[in-house]
C-alpha atoms as a PDB file:
ATOM      1  CA  UNK A   1      15.469 -21.939 -18.577  1.00  0.00           C
ATOM      2  CA  UNK A   2      16.953 -23.641 -15.578  1.00  0.00           C
ATOM      3  CA  UNK A   3      20.102 -22.150 -14.089  1.00  0.00           C
ATOM      4  CA  UNK A   4      23.185 -24.249 -14.844  1.00  0.00           C
ATOM      5  CA  UNK A   5      26.013 -22.087 -13.525  1.00  0.00           C
ATOM      6  CA  UNK A   6      26.973 -18.881 -11.756  1.00  0.00           C
ATOM      7  CA  UNK A   7      27.516 -17.388 -15.223  1.00  0.00           C
ATOM      8  CA  UNK A   8      23.802 -17.877 -15.887  1.00  0.00           C
ATOM      9  CA  UNK A   9      22.887 -16.039 -12.679  1.00  0.00           C
ATOM     10  CA  UNK A  10      25.320 -13.210 -13.416  1.00  0.00           C
ATOM     11  CA  UNK A  11      24.066 -12.830 -16.996  1.00  0.00           C
ATOM     12  CA  UNK A  12      20.444 -12.756 -15.894  1.00  0.00           C
ATOM     13  CA  UNK A  13      21.171 -10.269 -13.121  1.00  0.00           C
ATOM     14  CA  UNK A  14      22.891  -7.963 -15.593  1.00  0.00           C
ATOM     15  CA  UNK A  15      20.036  -7.841 -18.088  1.00  0.00           C
ATOM     16  CA  UNK A  16      17.509  -7.771 -15.236  1.00  0.00           C
ATOM     17  CA  UNK A  17      19.085  -4.631 -13.848  1.00  0.00           C
ATOM     18  CA  UNK A  18      19.171  -2.996 -17.284  1.00  0.00           C
ATOM     19  CA  UNK A  19      15.457  -3.517 -17.999  1.00  0.00           C
ATOM     20  CA  UNK A  20      14.556  -2.318 -14.490  1.00  0.00           C
ATOM     21  CA  UNK A  21      16.659   0.831 -14.911  1.00  0.00           C
ATOM     22  CA  UNK A  22      15.104   1.391 -18.345  1.00  0.00           C
ATOM     23  CA  UNK A  23      11.638   1.529 -16.808  1.00  0.00           C
ATOM     24  CA  UNK A  24      12.928   3.790 -14.036  1.00  0.00           C
ATOM     25  CA  UNK A  25      14.380   6.170 -16.633  1.00  0.00           C
ATOM     26  CA  UNK A  26      11.224   6.151 -18.758  1.00  0.00           C
ATOM     27  CA  UNK A  27       8.981   6.749 -15.742  1.00  0.00           C
ATOM     28  CA  UNK A  28      11.117   9.693 -14.634  1.00  0.00           C
ATOM     29  CA  UNK A  29      10.761  11.249 -18.112  1.00  0.00           C
ATOM     30  CA  UNK A  30       7.023  10.567 -18.539  1.00  0.00           C
ATOM     31  CA  UNK A  31       5.048  13.820 -18.427  1.00  0.00           C
ATOM     32  CA  UNK A  32       2.002  15.538 -19.840  1.00  0.00           C
ATOM     33  CA  UNK A  33       2.593  16.457 -23.502  1.00  0.00           C
ATOM     34  CA  UNK A  34       5.157  13.797 -24.399  1.00  0.00           C
ATOM     35  CA  UNK A  35       4.127  11.221 -26.993  1.00  0.00           C
ATOM     36  CA  UNK A  36       4.424   7.502 -26.338  1.00  0.00           C
ATOM     37  CA  UNK A  37       6.858   7.300 -29.281  1.00  0.00           C
ATOM     38  CA  UNK A  38       9.117   9.917 -27.667  1.00  0.00           C
ATOM     39  CA  UNK A  39       8.965   8.007 -24.386  1.00  0.00           C
ATOM     40  CA  UNK A  40       9.749   4.744 -26.199  1.00  0.00           C
ATOM     41  CA  UNK A  41      12.772   6.339 -27.878  1.00  0.00           C
ATOM     42  CA  UNK A  42      14.104   7.273 -24.429  1.00  0.00           C
ATOM     43  CA  UNK A  43      13.824   3.612 -23.473  1.00  0.00           C
ATOM     44  CA  UNK A  44      15.387   2.442 -26.724  1.00  0.00           C
ATOM     45  CA  UNK A  45      18.396   4.740 -26.315  1.00  0.00           C
ATOM     46  CA  UNK A  46      18.842   3.596 -22.709  1.00  0.00           C
ATOM     47  CA  UNK A  47      18.862  -0.069 -23.768  1.00  0.00           C
ATOM     48  CA  UNK A  48      21.305   0.651 -26.594  1.00  0.00           C
ATOM     49  CA  UNK A  49      23.636   2.571 -24.264  1.00  0.00           C
ATOM     50  CA  UNK A  50      23.863  -0.528 -22.088  1.00  0.00           C
ATOM     51  CA  UNK A  51      24.377  -2.893 -25.026  1.00  0.00           C
ATOM     52  CA  UNK A  52      20.946  -4.513 -24.706  1.00  0.00           C
ATOM     53  CA  UNK A  53      18.508  -5.358 -27.504  1.00  0.00           C
ATOM     54  CA  UNK A  54      14.725  -4.952 -27.321  1.00  0.00           C
ATOM     55  CA  UNK A  55      13.296  -8.464 -27.060  1.00  0.00           C
ATOM     56  CA  UNK A  56       9.827  -7.833 -28.560  1.00  0.00           C
ATOM     57  CA  UNK A  57      11.451  -6.070 -31.504  1.00  0.00           C
ATOM     58  CA  UNK A  58      14.082  -8.754 -32.139  1.00  0.00           C
ATOM     59  CA  UNK A  59      11.836 -11.743 -31.370  1.00  0.00           C
ATOM     60  CA  UNK A  60       8.465 -10.692 -32.806  1.00  0.00           C
ATOM     61  CA  UNK A  61       9.298  -7.629 -34.928  1.00  0.00           C
ATOM     62  CA  UNK A  62       7.212  -5.495 -32.552  1.00  0.00           C
ATOM     63  CA  UNK A  63       6.965  -1.889 -33.849  1.00  0.00           C
ATOM     64  CA  UNK A  64       8.645  -0.301 -30.838  1.00  0.00           C
ATOM     65  CA  UNK A  65      11.440  -0.792 -28.330  1.00  0.00           C
ATOM     66  CA  UNK A  66       9.045  -1.130 -25.403  1.00  0.00           C
ATOM     67  CA  UNK A  67       5.323  -1.635 -24.865  1.00  0.00           C
ATOM     68  CA  UNK A  68       3.458   1.444 -23.597  1.00  0.00           C
ATOM     69  CA  UNK A  69      -0.221   1.031 -22.751  1.00  0.00           C
ATOM     70  CA  UNK A  70      -2.509   3.810 -21.532  1.00  0.00           C
ATOM     71  CA  UNK A  71      -5.825   3.714 -19.624  1.00  0.00           C
ATOM     72  CA  UNK A  72      -8.095   1.069 -21.246  1.00  0.00           C
ATOM     73  CA  UNK A  73      -5.106  -0.457 -23.021  1.00  0.00           C
ATOM     74  CA  UNK A  74      -3.674  -3.293 -20.933  1.00  0.00           C
ATOM     75  CA  UNK A  75      -0.603  -4.597 -22.726  1.00  0.00           C
ATOM     76  CA  UNK A  76       1.452  -4.561 -25.929  1.00  0.00           C
ATOM     77  CA  UNK A  77       0.544  -0.941 -26.667  1.00  0.00           C
ATOM     78  CA  UNK A  78       2.427   0.341 -29.727  1.00  0.00           C
ATOM     79  CA  UNK A  79       4.369   3.578 -29.156  1.00  0.00           C
ATOM     80  CA  UNK A  80       3.113   6.301 -31.473  1.00  0.00           C
ATOM     81  CA  UNK A  81       1.687   9.798 -31.663  1.00  0.00           C
ATOM     82  CA  UNK A  82      -0.584   9.480 -28.634  1.00  0.00           C
ATOM     83  CA  UNK A  83       0.078  12.361 -26.261  1.00  0.00           C
ATOM     84  CA  UNK A  84       0.156  11.642 -22.521  1.00  0.00           C
ATOM     85  CA  UNK A  85      -2.583  13.523 -20.683  1.00  0.00           C
ATOM     86  CA  UNK A  86      -3.100  14.570 -17.034  1.00  0.00           C
ATOM     87  CA  UNK A  87      -4.321  11.660 -14.914  1.00  0.00           C
ATOM     88  CA  UNK A  88      -3.378   8.929 -17.420  1.00  0.00           C
ATOM     89  CA  UNK A  89      -2.759   5.401 -16.136  1.00  0.00           C
ATOM     90  CA  UNK A  90       0.388   4.217 -17.907  1.00  0.00           C
ATOM     91  CA  UNK A  91       1.911   0.766 -18.148  1.00  0.00           C
ATOM     92  CA  UNK A  92       5.453   0.336 -19.415  1.00  0.00           C
ATOM     93  CA  UNK A  93       6.689  -3.179 -20.173  1.00  0.00           C
ATOM     94  CA  UNK A  94      10.368  -3.641 -21.016  1.00  0.00           C
ATOM     95  CA  UNK A  95      11.983  -6.913 -22.067  1.00  0.00           C
ATOM     96  CA  UNK A  96      15.463  -7.138 -23.511  1.00  0.00           C
ATOM     97  CA  UNK A  97      18.420  -9.402 -24.252  1.00  0.00           C
ATOM     98  CA  UNK A  98      22.111  -9.111 -23.475  1.00  0.00           C
ATOM     99  CA  UNK A  99      24.722 -11.812 -23.982  1.00  0.00           C
ATOM    100  CA  UNK A 100      22.073 -14.414 -24.750  1.00  0.00           C
ATOM    101  CA  UNK A 101      20.067 -13.746 -21.575  1.00  0.00           C
ATOM    102  CA  UNK A 102      16.583 -12.231 -21.374  1.00  0.00           C
ATOM    103  CA  UNK A 103      14.652 -10.408 -18.654  1.00  0.00           C
ATOM    104  CA  UNK A 104      11.165  -8.913 -18.595  1.00  0.00           C
ATOM    105  CA  UNK A 105       9.624  -6.317 -16.264  1.00  0.00           C
ATOM    106  CA  UNK A 106       6.542  -4.119 -16.142  1.00  0.00           C
ATOM    107  CA  UNK A 107       5.233  -1.217 -14.102  1.00  0.00           C
ATOM    108  CA  UNK A 108       1.921   0.670 -13.925  1.00  0.00           C
ATOM    109  CA  UNK A 109       1.842   4.243 -12.642  1.00  0.00           C
ATOM    110  CA  UNK A 110      -0.150   7.459 -12.856  1.00  0.00           C
ATOM    111  CA  UNK A 111       0.508  10.889 -14.300  1.00  0.00           C
ATOM    112  CA  UNK A 112      -0.684  13.660 -11.897  1.00  0.00           C
ATOM    113  CA  UNK A 113      -3.282  14.582 -10.806  1.00  0.00           C
ATOM    114  CA  UNK A 114      -3.530  11.253  -9.020  1.00  0.00           C
ATOM    115  CA  UNK A 115      -6.830   9.404  -8.848  1.00  0.00           C
ATOM    116  CA  UNK A 116      -6.844   7.739  -5.373  1.00  0.00           C
ATOM    117  CA  UNK A 117      -8.722   4.638  -6.535  1.00  0.00           C
ATOM    118  CA  UNK A 118      -6.261   4.083  -9.400  1.00  0.00           C
ATOM    119  CA  UNK A 119      -3.323   4.690  -7.048  1.00  0.00           C
ATOM    120  CA  UNK A 120      -4.777   1.940  -4.867  1.00  0.00           C
ATOM    121  CA  UNK A 121      -5.155  -0.357  -7.895  1.00  0.00           C
ATOM    122  CA  UNK A 122      -1.479   0.131  -8.839  1.00  0.00           C
ATOM    123  CA  UNK A 123      -0.218  -0.414  -5.296  1.00  0.00           C
ATOM    124  CA  UNK A 124      -2.491  -3.405  -4.677  1.00  0.00           C
ATOM    125  CA  UNK A 125      -1.298  -5.042  -7.912  1.00  0.00           C
ATOM    126  CA  UNK A 126       2.325  -4.536  -6.882  1.00  0.00           C
ATOM    127  CA  UNK A 127       1.614  -5.978  -3.440  1.00  0.00           C
ATOM    128  CA  UNK A 128      -0.110  -8.975  -5.041  1.00  0.00           C
ATOM    129  CA  UNK A 129       2.943  -9.627  -7.223  1.00  0.00           C
ATOM    130  CA  UNK A 130       5.227  -9.492  -4.172  1.00  0.00           C
ATOM    131  CA  UNK A 131       2.927 -11.787  -2.175  1.00  0.00           C
ATOM    132  CA  UNK A 132       3.084 -14.350  -4.967  1.00  0.00           C
ATOM    133  CA  UNK A 133       6.870 -14.097  -5.240  1.00  0.00           C
ATOM    134  CA  UNK A 134       7.398 -14.484  -1.477  1.00  0.00           C
ATOM    135  CA  UNK A 135       5.326 -17.689  -1.527  1.00  0.00           C
ATOM    136  CA  UNK A 136       7.382 -19.501  -4.178  1.00  0.00           C
ATOM    137  CA  UNK A 137      10.262 -21.949  -3.866  1.00  0.00           C
ATOM    138  CA  UNK A 138      11.426 -25.354  -5.088  1.00  0.00           C
ATOM    139  CA  UNK A 139       8.664 -27.958  -4.780  1.00  0.00           C
ATOM    140  CA  UNK A 140       5.708 -25.551  -4.727  1.00  0.00           C
ATOM    141  CA  UNK A 141       3.025 -26.363  -7.294  1.00  0.00           C
ATOM    142  CA  UNK A 142       3.059 -23.949 -10.199  1.00  0.00           C
ATOM    143  CA  UNK A 143      -0.711 -23.443  -9.957  1.00  0.00           C
ATOM    144  CA  UNK A 144      -0.137 -21.787  -6.574  1.00  0.00           C
ATOM    145  CA  UNK A 145       0.784 -18.662  -8.587  1.00  0.00           C
ATOM    146  CA  UNK A 146      -2.692 -18.419 -10.073  1.00  0.00           C
ATOM    147  CA  UNK A 147      -4.377 -19.383  -6.809  1.00  0.00           C
ATOM    148  CA  UNK A 148      -2.742 -16.494  -4.934  1.00  0.00           C
ATOM    149  CA  UNK A 149      -3.318 -13.985  -7.750  1.00  0.00           C
ATOM    150  CA  UNK A 150      -7.007 -14.868  -7.984  1.00  0.00           C
ATOM    151  CA  UNK A 151      -7.479 -14.922  -4.211  1.00  0.00           C
ATOM    152  CA  UNK A 152      -5.748 -11.570  -3.662  1.00  0.00           C
ATOM    153  CA  UNK A 153      -7.670  -9.952  -6.520  1.00  0.00           C
ATOM    154  CA  UNK A 154     -10.968 -11.095  -5.006  1.00  0.00           C
ATOM    155  CA  UNK A 155      -9.976  -9.823  -1.547  1.00  0.00           C
ATOM    156  CA  UNK A 156      -9.236  -6.397  -3.018  1.00  0.00           C
ATOM    157  CA  UNK A 157     -12.439  -6.230  -5.042  1.00  0.00           C
ATOM    158  CA  UNK A 158     -10.633  -6.719  -8.349  1.00  0.00           C
ATOM    159  CA  UNK A 159     -10.626  -9.252 -11.188  1.00  0.00           C
ATOM    160  CA  UNK A 160      -7.652 -10.968 -12.817  1.00  0.00           C
ATOM    161  CA  UNK A 161      -7.318 -10.665 -16.592  1.00  0.00           C
ATOM    162  CA  UNK A 162      -7.641 -14.356 -17.338  1.00  0.00           C
ATOM    163  CA  UNK A 163      -6.030 -14.472 -20.792  1.00  0.00           C
ATOM    164  CA  UNK A 164      -2.725 -12.813 -19.845  1.00  0.00           C
ATOM    165  CA  UNK A 165      -0.204 -15.143 -18.256  1.00  0.00           C
ATOM    166  CA  UNK A 166       3.181 -15.297 -16.577  1.00  0.00           C
ATOM    167  CA  UNK A 167       5.788 -17.407 -18.392  1.00  0.00           C
ATOM    168  CA  UNK A 168       9.204 -18.982 -18.424  1.00  0.00           C
ATOM    169  CA  UNK A 169      12.114 -16.864 -19.662  1.00  0.00           C
ATOM    170  CA  UNK A 170      15.921 -16.852 -19.718  1.00  0.00           C
ATOM    171  CA  UNK A 171      17.513 -17.881 -23.004  1.00  0.00           C
ATOM    172  CA  UNK A 172      14.555 -16.526 -24.990  1.00  0.00           C
ATOM    173  CA  UNK A 173      11.653 -14.214 -24.230  1.00  0.00           C
ATOM    174  CA  UNK A 174       9.028 -16.940 -23.797  1.00  0.00           C
ATOM    175  CA  UNK A 175      10.034 -20.428 -22.650  1.00  0.00           C
ATOM    176  CA  UNK A 176       8.783 -23.401 -20.693  1.00  0.00           C
ATOM    177  CA  UNK A 177       6.843 -23.250 -18.448  1.00  0.00           C
ATOM    178  CA  UNK A 178       4.369 -21.606 -20.810  1.00  0.00           C
ATOM    179  CA  UNK A 179       1.007 -20.171 -19.771  1.00  0.00           C
ATOM    180  CA  UNK A 180       1.346 -19.793 -16.025  1.00  0.00           C
ATOM    181  CA  UNK A 181      -2.319 -18.951 -15.508  1.00  0.00           C
ATOM    182  CA  UNK A 182      -3.453 -16.086 -13.247  1.00  0.00           C
ATOM    183  CA  UNK A 183      -6.191 -18.236 -11.701  1.00  0.00           C
ATOM    184  CA  UNK A 184      -6.274 -21.629 -10.020  1.00  0.00           C
ATOM    185  CA  UNK A 185      -6.256 -24.641 -12.322  1.00  0.00           C
ATOM    186  CA  UNK A 186      -6.503 -27.872 -10.327  1.00  0.00           C
ATOM    187  CA  UNK A 187      -5.463 -29.893 -13.392  1.00  0.00           C
ATOM    188  CA  UNK A 188      -2.055 -28.204 -13.645  1.00  0.00           C
ATOM    189  CA  UNK A 189       0.340 -30.661 -11.979  1.00  0.00           C
ATOM    190  CA  UNK A 190       3.566 -28.809 -12.779  1.00  0.00           C
ATOM    191  CA  UNK A 191       5.960 -28.097  -9.915  1.00  0.00           C
ATOM    192  CA  UNK A 192       8.485 -25.281  -9.499  1.00  0.00           C
ATOM    193  CA  UNK A 193      12.113 -26.449  -9.553  1.00  0.00           C
ATOM    194  CA  UNK A 194      15.287 -24.977  -8.110  1.00  0.00           C
ATOM    195  CA  UNK A 195      16.910 -22.769 -10.754  1.00  0.00           C
ATOM    196  CA  UNK A 196      13.788 -22.235 -12.845  1.00  0.00           C
ATOM    197  CA  UNK A 197      13.504 -18.722 -14.343  1.00  0.00           C
ATOM    198  CA  UNK A 198      10.000 -17.266 -14.702  1.00  0.00           C
ATOM    199  CA  UNK A 199       8.074 -14.007 -14.738  1.00  0.00           C
ATOM    200  CA  UNK A 200       5.375 -13.115 -12.235  1.00  0.00           C
ATOM    201  CA  UNK A 201       2.953 -10.582 -13.701  1.00  0.00           C
ATOM    202  CA  UNK A 202      -0.531 -10.097 -12.285  1.00  0.00           C
ATOM    203  CA  UNK A 203      -2.954  -7.949 -14.284  1.00  0.00           C
ATOM    204  CA  UNK A 204      -5.661  -6.738 -11.890  1.00  0.00           C
ATOM    205  CA  UNK A 205      -8.807  -5.101 -13.235  1.00  0.00           C
ATOM    206  CA  UNK A 206     -11.563  -2.902 -11.838  1.00  0.00           C
ATOM    207  CA  UNK A 207     -14.079  -4.770 -14.002  1.00  0.00           C
ATOM    208  CA  UNK A 208     -13.067  -6.657 -17.138  1.00  0.00           C
ATOM    209  CA  UNK A 209     -11.904 -10.281 -16.984  1.00  0.00           C
ATOM    210  CA  UNK A 210     -10.468 -10.603 -20.499  1.00  0.00           C
ATOM    211  CA  UNK A 211      -8.282  -8.570 -22.827  1.00  0.00           C
ATOM    212  CA  UNK A 212      -9.310  -8.058 -26.457  1.00  0.00           C
ATOM    213  CA  UNK A 213      -6.738  -7.810 -29.245  1.00  0.00           C
ATOM    214  CA  UNK A 214      -7.152  -4.683 -31.370  1.00  0.00           C
ATOM    215  CA  UNK A 215      -7.062  -4.282 -35.146  1.00  0.00           C
ATOM    216  CA  UNK A 216      -3.344  -3.375 -35.077  1.00  0.00           C
ATOM    217  CA  UNK A 217      -2.602  -7.014 -34.152  1.00  0.00           C
ATOM    218  CA  UNK A 218      -0.749  -6.062 -30.974  1.00  0.00           C
ATOM    219  CA  UNK A 219      -2.579  -3.832 -28.522  1.00  0.00           C
ATOM    220  CA  UNK A 220      -4.667  -5.566 -25.870  1.00  0.00           C
ATOM    221  CA  UNK A 221      -7.395  -3.553 -24.169  1.00  0.00           C
ATOM    222  CA  UNK A 222     -10.471  -4.033 -22.017  1.00  0.00           C
ATOM    223  CA  UNK A 223     -13.866  -4.271 -23.764  1.00  0.00           C
ATOM    224  CA  UNK A 224     -15.350  -1.719 -21.335  1.00  0.00           C
ATOM    225  CA  UNK A 225     -14.216   1.375 -19.409  1.00  0.00           C
ATOM    226  CA  UNK A 226     -12.512  -0.465 -16.571  1.00  0.00           C
ATOM    227  CA  UNK A 227      -8.861   0.054 -15.656  1.00  0.00           C
ATOM    228  CA  UNK A 228      -6.076  -2.497 -15.321  1.00  0.00           C
ATOM    229  CA  UNK A 229      -2.690  -2.365 -13.575  1.00  0.00           C
ATOM    230  CA  UNK A 230       0.220  -4.741 -14.154  1.00  0.00           C
ATOM    231  CA  UNK A 231       3.484  -5.218 -12.321  1.00  0.00           C
ATOM    232  CA  UNK A 232       6.090  -7.761 -13.383  1.00  0.00           C
ATOM    233  CA  UNK A 233       9.357  -9.175 -12.123  1.00  0.00           C
ATOM    234  CA  UNK A 234      11.637 -11.845 -13.555  1.00  0.00           C
ATOM    235  CA  UNK A 235      12.718 -14.255 -10.812  1.00  0.00           C
ATOM    236  CA  UNK A 236      14.843 -17.343 -10.207  1.00  0.00           C
ATOM    237  CA  UNK A 237      13.227 -20.077  -8.109  1.00  0.00           C
ATOM    238  CA  UNK A 238      15.488 -21.374  -5.325  1.00  0.00           C
ATOM    239  CA  UNK A 239      15.141 -23.695  -2.318  1.00  0.00           C
ATOM    240  CA  UNK A 240      14.438 -20.586  -0.263  1.00  0.00           C
ATOM    241  CA  UNK A 241      13.182 -17.131  -1.310  1.00  0.00           C
ATOM    242  CA  UNK A 242      13.278 -16.408  -5.067  1.00  0.00           C
ATOM    243  CA  UNK A 243      15.967 -14.152  -6.502  1.00  0.00           C
ATOM    244  CA  UNK A 244      14.306 -11.079  -8.027  1.00  0.00           C
ATOM    245  CA  UNK A 245      16.336 -10.093 -11.087  1.00  0.00           C
ATOM    246  CA  UNK A 246      14.448  -6.939 -12.044  1.00  0.00           C
ATOM    247  CA  UNK A 247      14.410  -4.982  -8.776  1.00  0.00           C
ATOM    248  CA  UNK A 248      16.453  -1.768  -8.413  1.00  0.00           C
END
């Protein structure tokens, strides 16, 4: 969507804060021995308490309130009976709707004991996301997002997952601009506009370049034993620095 009023900004900020706080709550409750379904129920209750509705559930009939992916899973992991283990790399992705507005955020983190190389992967992915965000404003070519993601990944010795993209959002979960690629595409002539609402979500990998969909029709995972971290914010493009809606 493109912002049309202060009401739009206020509505987006409200749902942005809720999804960010949902992840914060879930992360604080994640521990060895809890199942991903139990962790998802914590997120679902938090959303409900704040009047928000799970977007993947309402939009796509996803079998969970949130997406929880562990280790070689990258995205869209279905909450279930899997028990969190020491050292697991966890990604939580929360998207929700309130009052007709949508926001989407993701966060990768580790369960102790911490593997230093995976800690670095998580932090580097977050830093890459923030570098992209700080480089965006009205008039910048949209393919600059992929150029920076790809460049930063290479500098850090990582790969981007090429078939997972950022996207437009606002009045629905996925909107124009669709398929904001995580690598440079010289043929993409689209330009960022003041008021445009999009996600920025790099997926950086220690090896794999593509995600494979699993037999459950949802879970995406690497085809090898590499690890992937993702961080995601929903932002509003302005004539200056973007407004980050999902930071707390």
